[in-house]
Amino acid sequence: MSKSTLTLTPVDAVACCSPLMAEPLSSEQAGQLAPLMKALADPVRLRLLSLVAAHADGEACVCDLNDAFDLSQPTISHHLKVLHEAGLLDRSKRGTWVYYRIKADVLAGVAGLLGGVGR
């Protein structure tokens, strides 16, 4: 049986062997991120967040989100409230409807952590 050697390009070596982060999270950073991660850990909330982000102008009315789920409107509103309280969504009331918008700066911080930004 012959031995094969693995040859990595410099780009492959960086992608494969570099740490994901320049330094570990501080206790304060972990404490700030934990509620966001907890809010995102629910499949319904994660999907709601993606539906709002994919909606025209990054804003969606509760009335636009209800049909995407086999859940009651109060349940959808509860999940949206959790996302809002975690700081992932802004909301505004217009008449009888509530509109939700992604807080892009907060989501970018979470994405940066997950994507290893800061190498």
PDB file of N, CA and C in Angstrom:
ATOM      1  N   MET A   1       0.848  -1.176   0.000  1.00  0.00           N
ATOM      2  CA  MET A   1       0.000   0.000   0.000  1.00  0.00           C
ATOM      3  C   MET A   1       0.894   1.240   0.000  1.00  0.00           C
ATOM      4  N   SER A   2       0.661   2.153  -0.907  1.00  0.00           N
ATOM      5  CA  SER A   2       1.493   3.343  -0.979  1.00  0.00           C
ATOM      6  C   SER A   2       0.924   4.458  -0.117  1.00  0.00           C
ATOM      7  N   LYS A   3       1.818   5.251   0.386  1.00  0.00           N
ATOM      8  CA  LYS A   3       1.407   6.405   1.181  1.00  0.00           C
ATOM      9  C   LYS A   3       1.133   7.569   0.248  1.00  0.00           C
ATOM     10  N   SER A   4       0.035   8.251   0.486  1.00  0.00           N
ATOM     11  CA  SER A   4      -0.238   9.451  -0.298  1.00  0.00           C
ATOM     12  C   SER A   4      -0.002  10.653   0.597  1.00  0.00           C
ATOM     13  N   THR A   5       0.487  11.690   0.011  1.00  0.00           N
ATOM     14  CA  THR A   5       0.704  12.913   0.775  1.00  0.00           C
ATOM     15  C   THR A   5      -0.351  13.926   0.387  1.00  0.00           C
ATOM     16  N   LEU A   6      -0.727  14.694   1.362  1.00  0.00           N
ATOM     17  CA  LEU A   6      -1.721  15.744   1.153  1.00  0.00           C
ATOM     18  C   LEU A   6      -0.984  17.051   0.970  1.00  0.00           C
ATOM     19  N   THR A   7      -1.215  17.680  -0.136  1.00  0.00           N
ATOM     20  CA  THR A   7      -0.591  18.963  -0.406  1.00  0.00           C
ATOM     21  C   THR A   7      -1.664  20.031  -0.352  1.00  0.00           C
ATOM     22  N   LEU A   8      -1.466  21.001   0.507  1.00  0.00           N
ATOM     23  CA  LEU A   8      -2.419  22.095   0.656  1.00  0.00           C
ATOM     24  C   LEU A   8      -1.865  23.358   0.030  1.00  0.00           C
ATOM     25  N   THR A   9      -2.726  24.057  -0.674  1.00  0.00           N
ATOM     26  CA  THR A   9      -2.342  25.384  -1.159  1.00  0.00           C
ATOM     27  C   THR A   9      -2.303  26.309   0.054  1.00  0.00           C
ATOM     28  N   PRO A  10      -1.677  27.470  -0.053  1.00  0.00           N
ATOM     29  CA  PRO A  10      -1.686  28.393   1.085  1.00  0.00           C
ATOM     30  C   PRO A  10      -3.097  28.777   1.538  1.00  0.00           C
ATOM     31  N   VAL A  11      -4.011  28.923   0.607  1.00  0.00           N
ATOM     32  CA  VAL A  11      -5.393  29.258   0.949  1.00  0.00           C
ATOM     33  C   VAL A  11      -6.038  28.106   1.713  1.00  0.00           C
ATOM     34  N   ASP A  12      -5.828  26.865   1.237  1.00  0.00           N
ATOM     35  CA  ASP A  12      -6.360  25.691   1.934  1.00  0.00           C
ATOM     36  C   ASP A  12      -5.773  25.574   3.331  1.00  0.00           C
ATOM     37  N   ALA A  13      -4.488  25.833   3.468  1.00  0.00           N
ATOM     38  CA  ALA A  13      -3.839  25.722   4.773  1.00  0.00           C
ATOM     39  C   ALA A  13      -4.412  26.728   5.757  1.00  0.00           C
ATOM     40  N   VAL A  14      -4.658  27.943   5.300  1.00  0.00           N
ATOM     41  CA  VAL A  14      -5.251  28.960   6.174  1.00  0.00           C
ATOM     42  C   VAL A  14      -6.664  28.554   6.564  1.00  0.00           C
ATOM     43  N   ALA A  15      -7.454  28.097   5.597  1.00  0.00           N
ATOM     44  CA  ALA A  15      -8.840  27.706   5.870  1.00  0.00           C
ATOM     45  C   ALA A  15      -8.898  26.499   6.796  1.00  0.00           C
ATOM     46  N   CYS A  16      -7.962  25.587   6.639  1.00  0.00           N
ATOM     47  CA  CYS A  16      -7.980  24.344   7.402  1.00  0.00           C
ATOM     48  C   CYS A  16      -7.381  24.505   8.796  1.00  0.00           C
ATOM     49  N   CYS A  17      -6.311  25.253   8.888  1.00  0.00           N
ATOM     50  CA  CYS A  17      -5.493  25.200  10.099  1.00  0.00           C
ATOM     51  C   CYS A  17      -5.518  26.455  10.958  1.00  0.00           C
ATOM     52  N   SER A  18      -6.175  27.495  10.512  1.00  0.00           N
ATOM     53  CA  SER A  18      -6.200  28.733  11.288  1.00  0.00           C
ATOM     54  C   SER A  18      -7.281  28.672  12.346  1.00  0.00           C
ATOM     55  N   PRO A  19      -7.046  29.305  13.479  1.00  0.00           N
ATOM     56  CA  PRO A  19      -8.117  29.378  14.486  1.00  0.00           C
ATOM     57  C   PRO A  19      -9.306  30.152  13.929  1.00  0.00           C
ATOM     58  N   LEU A  20     -10.496  29.848  14.416  1.00  0.00           N
ATOM     59  CA  LEU A  20     -11.689  30.548  13.941  1.00  0.00           C
ATOM     60  C   LEU A  20     -11.758  31.974  14.446  1.00  0.00           C
ATOM     61  N   MET A  21     -11.172  32.225  15.596  1.00  0.00           N
ATOM     62  CA  MET A  21     -11.222  33.560  16.187  1.00  0.00           C
ATOM     63  C   MET A  21      -9.821  33.969  16.611  1.00  0.00           C
ATOM     64  N   ALA A  22      -9.589  35.255  16.625  1.00  0.00           N
ATOM     65  CA  ALA A  22      -8.296  35.763  17.057  1.00  0.00           C
ATOM     66  C   ALA A  22      -8.080  35.523  18.546  1.00  0.00           C
ATOM     67  N   GLU A  23      -9.160  35.556  19.311  1.00  0.00           N
ATOM     68  CA  GLU A  23      -9.078  35.307  20.756  1.00  0.00           C
ATOM     69  C   GLU A  23     -10.431  34.806  21.243  1.00  0.00           C
ATOM     70  N   PRO A  24     -10.445  34.110  22.368  1.00  0.00           N
ATOM     71  CA  PRO A  24     -11.726  33.605  22.882  1.00  0.00           C
ATOM     72  C   PRO A  24     -12.615  34.736  23.373  1.00  0.00           C
ATOM     73  N   LEU A  25     -13.887  34.452  23.477  1.00  0.00           N
ATOM     74  CA  LEU A  25     -14.834  35.434  24.003  1.00  0.00           C
ATOM     75  C   LEU A  25     -14.526  35.740  25.455  1.00  0.00           C
ATOM     76  N   SER A  26     -14.729  36.980  25.822  1.00  0.00           N
ATOM     77  CA  SER A  26     -14.634  37.333  27.236  1.00  0.00           C
ATOM     78  C   SER A  26     -15.919  36.891  27.928  1.00  0.00           C
ATOM     79  N   SER A  27     -15.911  36.889  29.243  1.00  0.00           N
ATOM     80  CA  SER A  27     -17.126  36.539  29.994  1.00  0.00           C
ATOM     81  C   SER A  27     -18.258  37.489  29.648  1.00  0.00           C
ATOM     82  N   GLU A  28     -17.927  38.763  29.498  1.00  0.00           N
ATOM     83  CA  GLU A  28     -18.948  39.765  29.161  1.00  0.00           C
ATOM     84  C   GLU A  28     -19.528  39.514  27.770  1.00  0.00           C
ATOM     85  N   GLN A  29     -18.667  39.236  26.796  1.00  0.00           N
ATOM     86  CA  GLN A  29     -19.143  38.958  25.434  1.00  0.00           C
ATOM     87  C   GLN A  29     -20.023  37.708  25.410  1.00  0.00           C
ATOM     88  N   ALA A  30     -19.600  36.667  26.105  1.00  0.00           N
ATOM     89  CA  ALA A  30     -20.392  35.439  26.151  1.00  0.00           C
ATOM     90  C   ALA A  30     -21.751  35.702  26.800  1.00  0.00           C
ATOM     91  N   GLY A  31     -21.768  36.521  27.844  1.00  0.00           N
ATOM     92  CA  GLY A  31     -23.022  36.866  28.502  1.00  0.00           C
ATOM     93  C   GLY A  31     -23.956  37.663  27.611  1.00  0.00           C
ATOM     94  N   GLN A  32     -23.395  38.496  26.748  1.00  0.00           N
ATOM     95  CA  GLN A  32     -24.212  39.280  25.819  1.00  0.00           C
ATOM     96  C   GLN A  32     -24.733  38.425  24.670  1.00  0.00           C
ATOM     97  N   LEU A  33     -23.946  37.468  24.217  1.00  0.00           N
ATOM     98  CA  LEU A  33     -24.338  36.640  23.080  1.00  0.00           C
ATOM     99  C   LEU A  33     -25.265  35.489  23.451  1.00  0.00           C
ATOM    100  N   ALA A  34     -25.193  35.011  24.678  1.00  0.00           N
ATOM    101  CA  ALA A  34     -25.983  33.842  25.073  1.00  0.00           C
ATOM    102  C   ALA A  34     -27.490  34.034  24.865  1.00  0.00           C
ATOM    103  N   PRO A  35     -28.081  35.172  25.267  1.00  0.00           N
ATOM    104  CA  PRO A  35     -29.523  35.340  25.021  1.00  0.00           C
ATOM    105  C   PRO A  35     -29.877  35.370  23.528  1.00  0.00           C
ATOM    106  N   LEU A  36     -28.992  35.918  22.709  1.00  0.00           N
ATOM    107  CA  LEU A  36     -29.234  35.935  21.262  1.00  0.00           C
ATOM    108  C   LEU A  36     -29.218  34.522  20.710  1.00  0.00           C
ATOM    109  N   MET A  37     -28.230  33.754  21.143  1.00  0.00           N
ATOM    110  CA  MET A  37     -28.118  32.379  20.667  1.00  0.00           C
ATOM    111  C   MET A  37     -29.297  31.536  21.159  1.00  0.00           C
ATOM    112  N   LYS A  38     -29.732  31.786  22.379  1.00  0.00           N
ATOM    113  CA  LYS A  38     -30.879  31.056  22.922  1.00  0.00           C
ATOM    114  C   LYS A  38     -32.137  31.377  22.102  1.00  0.00           C
ATOM    115  N   ALA A  39     -32.321  32.637  21.759  1.00  0.00           N
ATOM    116  CA  ALA A  39     -33.479  33.025  20.950  1.00  0.00           C
ATOM    117  C   ALA A  39     -33.419  32.382  19.568  1.00  0.00           C
ATOM    118  N   LEU A  40     -32.242  32.252  19.014  1.00  0.00           N
ATOM    119  CA  LEU A  40     -32.086  31.667  17.681  1.00  0.00           C
ATOM    120  C   LEU A  40     -32.134  30.140  17.687  1.00  0.00           C
ATOM    121  N   ALA A  41     -32.050  29.536  18.856  1.00  0.00           N
ATOM    122  CA  ALA A  41     -31.981  28.072  18.941  1.00  0.00           C
ATOM    123  C   ALA A  41     -33.313  27.385  18.648  1.00  0.00           C
ATOM    124  N   ASP A  42     -34.396  28.118  18.589  1.00  0.00           N
ATOM    125  CA  ASP A  42     -35.699  27.537  18.297  1.00  0.00           C
ATOM    126  C   ASP A  42     -35.934  27.559  16.788  1.00  0.00           C
ATOM    127  N   PRO A  43     -36.323  26.427  16.184  1.00  0.00           N
ATOM    128  CA  PRO A  43     -36.513  26.385  14.722  1.00  0.00           C
ATOM    129  C   PRO A  43     -37.557  27.370  14.200  1.00  0.00           C
ATOM    130  N   VAL A  44     -38.634  27.587  14.948  1.00  0.00           N
ATOM    131  CA  VAL A  44     -39.665  28.539  14.505  1.00  0.00           C
ATOM    132  C   VAL A  44     -39.088  29.951  14.500  1.00  0.00           C
ATOM    133  N   ARG A  45     -38.372  30.312  15.554  1.00  0.00           N
ATOM    134  CA  ARG A  45     -37.795  31.667  15.620  1.00  0.00           C
ATOM    135  C   ARG A  45     -36.721  31.868  14.564  1.00  0.00           C
ATOM    136  N   LEU A  46     -35.918  30.856  14.337  1.00  0.00           N
ATOM    137  CA  LEU A  46     -34.891  30.967  13.308  1.00  0.00           C
ATOM    138  C   LEU A  46     -35.535  31.170  11.933  1.00  0.00           C
ATOM    139  N   ARG A  47     -36.592  30.437  11.675  1.00  0.00           N
ATOM    140  CA  ARG A  47     -37.297  30.589  10.401  1.00  0.00           C
ATOM    141  C   ARG A  47     -37.980  31.953  10.310  1.00  0.00           C
ATOM    142  N   LEU A  48     -38.588  32.404  11.400  1.00  0.00           N
ATOM    143  CA  LEU A  48     -39.210  33.731  11.400  1.00  0.00           C
ATOM    144  C   LEU A  48     -38.189  34.812  11.082  1.00  0.00           C
ATOM    145  N   LEU A  49     -37.026  34.718  11.703  1.00  0.00           N
ATOM    146  CA  LEU A  49     -35.977  35.697  11.456  1.00  0.00           C
ATOM    147  C   LEU A  49     -35.578  35.687   9.981  1.00  0.00           C
ATOM    148  N   SER A  50     -35.465  34.506   9.397  1.00  0.00           N
ATOM    149  CA  SER A  50     -35.083  34.428   7.986  1.00  0.00           C
ATOM    150  C   SER A  50     -36.195  34.950   7.080  1.00  0.00           C
ATOM    151  N   LEU A  51     -37.447  34.727   7.455  1.00  0.00           N
ATOM    152  CA  LEU A  51     -38.566  35.253   6.660  1.00  0.00           C
ATOM    153  C   LEU A  51     -38.587  36.777   6.693  1.00  0.00           C
ATOM    154  N   VAL A  52     -38.353  37.358   7.849  1.00  0.00           N
ATOM    155  CA  VAL A  52     -38.318  38.828   7.948  1.00  0.00           C
ATOM    156  C   VAL A  52     -37.149  39.363   7.125  1.00  0.00           C
ATOM    157  N   ALA A  53     -35.988  38.737   7.247  1.00  0.00           N
ATOM    158  CA  ALA A  53     -34.799  39.198   6.516  1.00  0.00           C
ATOM    159  C   ALA A  53     -34.982  39.089   5.009  1.00  0.00           C
ATOM    160  N   ALA A  54     -35.719  38.063   4.561  1.00  0.00           N
ATOM    161  CA  ALA A  54     -35.909  37.853   3.126  1.00  0.00           C
ATOM    162  C   ALA A  54     -37.083  38.644   2.561  1.00  0.00           C
ATOM    163  N   HIS A  55     -37.876  39.236   3.420  1.00  0.00           N
ATOM    164  CA  HIS A  55     -39.050  39.980   2.975  1.00  0.00           C
ATOM    165  C   HIS A  55     -38.619  41.294   2.329  1.00  0.00           C
ATOM    166  N   ALA A  56     -39.453  41.807   1.456  1.00  0.00           N
ATOM    167  CA  ALA A  56     -39.165  43.077   0.776  1.00  0.00           C
ATOM    168  C   ALA A  56     -38.797  44.150   1.788  1.00  0.00           C
ATOM    169  N   ASP A  57     -37.723  44.824   1.544  1.00  0.00           N
ATOM    170  CA  ASP A  57     -37.207  45.892   2.406  1.00  0.00           C
ATOM    171  C   ASP A  57     -36.804  45.404   3.786  1.00  0.00           C
ATOM    172  N   GLY A  58     -36.669  44.093   3.982  1.00  0.00           N
ATOM    173  CA  GLY A  58     -36.243  43.553   5.277  1.00  0.00           C
ATOM    174  C   GLY A  58     -37.234  43.811   6.388  1.00  0.00           C
ATOM    175  N   GLU A  59     -38.501  44.000   6.021  1.00  0.00           N
ATOM    176  CA  GLU A  59     -39.542  44.294   6.999  1.00  0.00           C
ATOM    177  C   GLU A  59     -40.775  43.468   6.658  1.00  0.00           C
ATOM    178  N   ALA A  60     -41.402  42.898   7.686  1.00  0.00           N
ATOM    179  CA  ALA A  60     -42.586  42.081   7.434  1.00  0.00           C
ATOM    180  C   ALA A  60     -43.637  42.340   8.503  1.00  0.00           C
ATOM    181  N   CYS A  61     -44.877  42.300   8.077  1.00  0.00           N
ATOM    182  CA  CYS A  61     -46.019  42.415   8.972  1.00  0.00           C
ATOM    183  C   CYS A  61     -46.322  41.031   9.539  1.00  0.00           C
ATOM    184  N   VAL A  62     -46.819  41.002  10.769  1.00  0.00           N
ATOM    185  CA  VAL A  62     -47.235  39.732  11.359  1.00  0.00           C
ATOM    186  C   VAL A  62     -48.209  39.026  10.421  1.00  0.00           C
ATOM    187  N   CYS A  63     -49.072  39.792   9.779  1.00  0.00           N
ATOM    188  CA  CYS A  63     -50.057  39.201   8.868  1.00  0.00           C
ATOM    189  C   CYS A  63     -49.392  38.475   7.707  1.00  0.00           C
ATOM    190  N   ASP A  64     -48.165  38.879   7.334  1.00  0.00           N
ATOM    191  CA  ASP A  64     -47.432  38.219   6.248  1.00  0.00           C
ATOM    192  C   ASP A  64     -46.740  36.946   6.713  1.00  0.00           C
ATOM    193  N   LEU A  65     -46.543  36.796   8.001  1.00  0.00           N
ATOM    194  CA  LEU A  65     -45.770  35.678   8.535  1.00  0.00           C
ATOM    195  C   LEU A  65     -46.627  34.506   8.986  1.00  0.00           C
ATOM    196  N   ASN A  66     -47.870  34.778   9.342  1.00  0.00           N
ATOM    197  CA  ASN A  66     -48.739  33.737   9.898  1.00  0.00           C
ATOM    198  C   ASN A  66     -48.940  32.557   8.950  1.00  0.00           C
ATOM    199  N   ASP A  67     -49.079  32.819   7.657  1.00  0.00           N
ATOM    200  CA  ASP A  67     -49.383  31.759   6.700  1.00  0.00           C
ATOM    201  C   ASP A  67     -48.219  30.799   6.466  1.00  0.00           C
ATOM    202  N   ALA A  68     -47.022  31.173   6.877  1.00  0.00           N
ATOM    203  CA  ALA A  68     -45.852  30.325   6.661  1.00  0.00           C
ATOM    204  C   ALA A  68     -45.766  29.184   7.680  1.00  0.00           C
ATOM    205  N   PHE A  69     -46.637  29.199   8.685  1.00  0.00           N
ATOM    206  CA  PHE A  69     -46.574  28.224   9.766  1.00  0.00           C
ATOM    207  C   PHE A  69     -47.943  27.617  10.030  1.00  0.00           C
ATOM    208  N   ASP A  70     -47.935  26.424  10.552  1.00  0.00           N
ATOM    209  CA  ASP A  70     -49.164  25.783  11.004  1.00  0.00           C
ATOM    210  C   ASP A  70     -49.278  26.010  12.513  1.00  0.00           C
ATOM    211  N   LEU A  71     -49.238  27.282  12.887  1.00  0.00           N
ATOM    212  CA  LEU A  71     -49.290  27.701  14.286  1.00  0.00           C
ATOM    213  C   LEU A  71     -50.310  28.820  14.425  1.00  0.00           C
ATOM    214  N   SER A  72     -50.803  29.023  15.627  1.00  0.00           N
ATOM    215  CA  SER A  72     -51.763  30.102  15.849  1.00  0.00           C
ATOM    216  C   SER A  72     -51.051  31.457  15.810  1.00  0.00           C
ATOM    217  N   GLN A  73     -51.823  32.489  15.549  1.00  0.00           N
ATOM    218  CA  GLN A  73     -51.266  33.847  15.520  1.00  0.00           C
ATOM    219  C   GLN A  73     -50.661  34.232  16.868  1.00  0.00           C
ATOM    220  N   PRO A  74     -51.288  33.893  18.011  1.00  0.00           N
ATOM    221  CA  PRO A  74     -50.647  34.212  19.290  1.00  0.00           C
ATOM    222  C   PRO A  74     -49.289  33.514  19.474  1.00  0.00           C
ATOM    223  N   THR A  75     -49.155  32.312  18.960  1.00  0.00           N
ATOM    224  CA  THR A  75     -47.873  31.603  19.066  1.00  0.00           C
ATOM    225  C   THR A  75     -46.811  32.291  18.224  1.00  0.00           C
ATOM    226  N   ILE A  76     -47.176  32.688  17.014  1.00  0.00           N
ATOM    227  CA  ILE A  76     -46.246  33.432  16.152  1.00  0.00           C
ATOM    228  C   ILE A  76     -45.854  34.739  16.826  1.00  0.00           C
ATOM    229  N   SER A  77     -46.814  35.449  17.386  1.00  0.00           N
ATOM    230  CA  SER A  77     -46.534  36.712  18.077  1.00  0.00           C
ATOM    231  C   SER A  77     -45.606  36.498  19.262  1.00  0.00           C
ATOM    232  N   HIS A  78     -45.784  35.397  19.978  1.00  0.00           N
ATOM    233  CA  HIS A  78     -44.899  35.090  21.107  1.00  0.00           C
ATOM    234  C   HIS A  78     -43.454  34.920  20.624  1.00  0.00           C
ATOM    235  N   HIS A  79     -43.268  34.146  19.551  1.00  0.00           N
ATOM    236  CA  HIS A  79     -41.916  33.926  19.030  1.00  0.00           C
ATOM    237  C   HIS A  79     -41.293  35.238  18.537  1.00  0.00           C
ATOM    238  N   LEU A  80     -42.092  36.077  17.895  1.00  0.00           N
ATOM    239  CA  LEU A  80     -41.586  37.381  17.454  1.00  0.00           C
ATOM    240  C   LEU A  80     -41.218  38.256  18.643  1.00  0.00           C
ATOM    241  N   LYS A  81     -41.992  38.169  19.711  1.00  0.00           N
ATOM    242  CA  LYS A  81     -41.690  38.922  20.931  1.00  0.00           C
ATOM    243  C   LYS A  81     -40.350  38.481  21.527  1.00  0.00           C
ATOM    244  N   VAL A  82     -40.099  37.178  21.534  1.00  0.00           N
ATOM    245  CA  VAL A  82     -38.826  36.662  22.050  1.00  0.00           C
ATOM    246  C   VAL A  82     -37.664  37.202  21.217  1.00  0.00           C
ATOM    247  N   LEU A  83     -37.809  37.191  19.894  1.00  0.00           N
ATOM    248  CA  LEU A  83     -36.757  37.724  19.017  1.00  0.00           C
ATOM    249  C   LEU A  83     -36.558  39.223  19.246  1.00  0.00           C
ATOM    250  N   HIS A  84     -37.643  39.939  19.463  1.00  0.00           N
ATOM    251  CA  HIS A  84     -37.567  41.379  19.727  1.00  0.00           C
ATOM    252  C   HIS A  84     -36.871  41.640  21.062  1.00  0.00           C
ATOM    253  N   GLU A  85     -37.279  40.915  22.099  1.00  0.00           N
ATOM    254  CA  GLU A  85     -36.688  41.115  23.428  1.00  0.00           C
ATOM    255  C   GLU A  85     -35.208  40.728  23.470  1.00  0.00           C
ATOM    256  N   ALA A  86     -34.814  39.781  22.615  1.00  0.00           N
ATOM    257  CA  ALA A  86     -33.400  39.404  22.532  1.00  0.00           C
ATOM    258  C   ALA A  86     -32.579  40.451  21.787  1.00  0.00           C
ATOM    259  N   GLY A  87     -33.263  41.385  21.109  1.00  0.00           N
ATOM    260  CA  GLY A  87     -32.564  42.450  20.392  1.00  0.00           C
ATOM    261  C   GLY A  87     -32.296  42.149  18.937  1.00  0.00           C
ATOM    262  N   LEU A  88     -32.923  41.104  18.401  1.00  0.00           N
ATOM    263  CA  LEU A  88     -32.692  40.733  17.007  1.00  0.00           C
ATOM    264  C   LEU A  88     -33.639  41.420  16.036  1.00  0.00           C
ATOM    265  N   LEU A  89     -34.801  41.865  16.521  1.00  0.00           N
ATOM    266  CA  LEU A  89     -35.795  42.525  15.678  1.00  0.00           C
ATOM    267  C   LEU A  89     -36.227  43.850  16.290  1.00  0.00           C
ATOM    268  N   ASP A  90     -36.479  44.824  15.437  1.00  0.00           N
ATOM    269  CA  ASP A  90     -37.173  46.056  15.819  1.00  0.00           C
ATOM    270  C   ASP A  90     -38.622  45.863  15.417  1.00  0.00           C
ATOM    271  N   ARG A  91     -39.522  46.603  16.052  1.00  0.00           N
ATOM    272  CA  ARG A  91     -40.925  46.505  15.658  1.00  0.00           C
ATOM    273  C   ARG A  91     -41.575  47.872  15.720  1.00  0.00           C
ATOM    274  N   SER A  92     -42.597  48.038  14.896  1.00  0.00           N
ATOM    275  CA  SER A  92     -43.384  49.266  14.910  1.00  0.00           C
ATOM    276  C   SER A  92     -44.834  48.902  14.642  1.00  0.00           C
ATOM    277  N   LYS A  93     -45.729  49.599  15.320  1.00  0.00           N
ATOM    278  CA  LYS A  93     -47.155  49.335  15.156  1.00  0.00           C
ATOM    279  C   LYS A  93     -47.738  50.343  14.180  1.00  0.00           C
ATOM    280  N   ARG A  94     -48.495  49.825  13.230  1.00  0.00           N
ATOM    281  CA  ARG A  94     -49.168  50.661  12.240  1.00  0.00           C
ATOM    282  C   ARG A  94     -50.621  50.215  12.198  1.00  0.00           C
ATOM    283  N   GLY A  95     -51.476  51.001  12.789  1.00  0.00           N
ATOM    284  CA  GLY A  95     -52.881  50.610  12.883  1.00  0.00           C
ATOM    285  C   GLY A  95     -53.007  49.406  13.788  1.00  0.00           C
ATOM    286  N   THR A  96     -53.592  48.342  13.274  1.00  0.00           N
ATOM    287  CA  THR A  96     -53.765  47.133  14.086  1.00  0.00           C
ATOM    288  C   THR A  96     -52.638  46.129  13.880  1.00  0.00           C
ATOM    289  N   TRP A  97     -51.724  46.402  12.950  1.00  0.00           N
ATOM    290  CA  TRP A  97     -50.661  45.447  12.635  1.00  0.00           C
ATOM    291  C   TRP A  97     -49.321  45.880  13.199  1.00  0.00           C
ATOM    292  N   VAL A  98     -48.498  44.891  13.499  1.00  0.00           N
ATOM    293  CA  VAL A  98     -47.138  45.144  13.962  1.00  0.00           C
ATOM    294  C   VAL A  98     -46.189  44.691  12.857  1.00  0.00           C
ATOM    295  N   TYR A  99     -45.228  45.544  12.545  1.00  0.00           N
ATOM    296  CA  TYR A  99     -44.225  45.255  11.524  1.00  0.00           C
ATOM    297  C   TYR A  99     -42.882  45.028  12.197  1.00  0.00           C
ATOM    298  N   TYR A 100     -42.163  44.026  11.714  1.00  0.00           N
ATOM    299  CA  TYR A 100     -40.859  43.664  12.274  1.00  0.00           C
ATOM    300  C   TYR A 100     -39.770  43.888  11.247  1.00  0.00           C
ATOM    301  N   ARG A 101     -38.623  44.351  11.730  1.00  0.00           N
ATOM    302  CA  ARG A 101     -37.454  44.621  10.894  1.00  0.00           C
ATOM    303  C   ARG A 101     -36.225  44.029  11.587  1.00  0.00           C
ATOM    304  N   ILE A 102     -35.364  43.436  10.797  1.00  0.00           N
ATOM    305  CA  ILE A 102     -34.112  42.869  11.295  1.00  0.00           C
ATOM    306  C   ILE A 102     -33.221  43.985  11.839  1.00  0.00           C
ATOM    307  N   LYS A 103     -32.594  43.752  12.975  1.00  0.00           N
ATOM    308  CA  LYS A 103     -31.564  44.661  13.474  1.00  0.00           C
ATOM    309  C   LYS A 103     -30.241  44.159  12.901  1.00  0.00           C
ATOM    310  N   ALA A 104     -29.884  44.712  11.764  1.00  0.00           N
ATOM    311  CA  ALA A 104     -28.753  44.205  10.987  1.00  0.00           C
ATOM    312  C   ALA A 104     -27.442  44.239  11.766  1.00  0.00           C
ATOM    313  N   ASP A 105     -27.226  45.256  12.578  1.00  0.00           N
ATOM    314  CA  ASP A 105     -25.967  45.339  13.314  1.00  0.00           C
ATOM    315  C   ASP A 105     -25.827  44.201  14.325  1.00  0.00           C
ATOM    316  N   VAL A 106     -26.917  43.858  14.987  1.00  0.00           N
ATOM    317  CA  VAL A 106     -26.883  42.763  15.961  1.00  0.00           C
ATOM    318  C   VAL A 106     -26.684  41.435  15.241  1.00  0.00           C
ATOM    319  N   LEU A 107     -27.410  41.246  14.155  1.00  0.00           N
ATOM    320  CA  LEU A 107     -27.291  40.005  13.395  1.00  0.00           C
ATOM    321  C   LEU A 107     -25.899  39.859  12.797  1.00  0.00           C
ATOM    322  N   ALA A 108     -25.292  40.960  12.366  1.00  0.00           N
ATOM    323  CA  ALA A 108     -23.931  40.922  11.825  1.00  0.00           C
ATOM    324  C   ALA A 108     -22.941  40.499  12.902  1.00  0.00           C
ATOM    325  N   GLY A 109     -23.162  40.946  14.138  1.00  0.00           N
ATOM    326  CA  GLY A 109     -22.282  40.526  15.237  1.00  0.00           C
ATOM    327  C   GLY A 109     -22.376  39.038  15.509  1.00  0.00           C
ATOM    328  N   VAL A 110     -23.587  38.501  15.466  1.00  0.00           N
ATOM    329  CA  VAL A 110     -23.781  37.055  15.654  1.00  0.00           C
ATOM    330  C   VAL A 110     -23.142  36.302  14.487  1.00  0.00           C
ATOM    331  N   ALA A 111     -23.378  36.789  13.270  1.00  0.00           N
ATOM    332  CA  ALA A 111     -22.798  36.140  12.078  1.00  0.00           C
ATOM    333  C   ALA A 111     -21.277  36.188  12.122  1.00  0.00           C
ATOM    334  N   GLY A 112     -20.738  37.284  12.608  1.00  0.00           N
ATOM    335  CA  GLY A 112     -19.281  37.398  12.728  1.00  0.00           C
ATOM    336  C   GLY A 112     -18.728  36.355  13.675  1.00  0.00           C
ATOM    337  N   LEU A 113     -19.415  36.138  14.761  1.00  0.00           N
ATOM    338  CA  LEU A 113     -18.962  35.126  15.709  1.00  0.00           C
ATOM    339  C   LEU A 113     -19.035  33.746  15.071  1.00  0.00           C
ATOM    340  N   LEU A 114     -20.140  33.442  14.414  1.00  0.00           N
ATOM    341  CA  LEU A 114     -20.315  32.121  13.822  1.00  0.00           C
ATOM    342  C   LEU A 114     -19.412  31.902  12.618  1.00  0.00           C
ATOM    343  N   GLY A 115     -19.127  32.991  11.884  1.00  0.00           N
ATOM    344  CA  GLY A 115     -18.302  32.852  10.685  1.00  0.00           C
ATOM    345  C   GLY A 115     -16.830  33.019  10.931  1.00  0.00           C
ATOM    346  N   GLY A 116     -16.457  33.305  12.154  1.00  0.00           N
ATOM    347  CA  GLY A 116     -15.042  33.424  12.467  1.00  0.00           C
ATOM    348  C   GLY A 116     -14.421  34.744  12.060  1.00  0.00           C
ATOM    349  N   VAL A 117     -15.233  35.789  11.933  1.00  0.00           N
ATOM    350  CA  VAL A 117     -14.684  37.097  11.607  1.00  0.00           C
ATOM    351  C   VAL A 117     -13.772  37.513  12.746  1.00  0.00           C
ATOM    352  N   GLY A 118     -12.672  38.131  12.430  1.00  0.00           N
ATOM    353  CA  GLY A 118     -11.734  38.572  13.459  1.00  0.00           C
ATOM    354  C   GLY A 118     -10.483  37.718  13.470  1.00  0.00           C
ATOM    355  N   ARG A 119     -10.305  36.932  12.406  1.00  0.00           N
ATOM    356  CA  ARG A 119      -9.096  36.118  12.302  1.00  0.00           C
ATOM    357  C   ARG A 119      -7.878  36.980  12.222  1.00  0.00           C
TER     358      ARG A 119
END
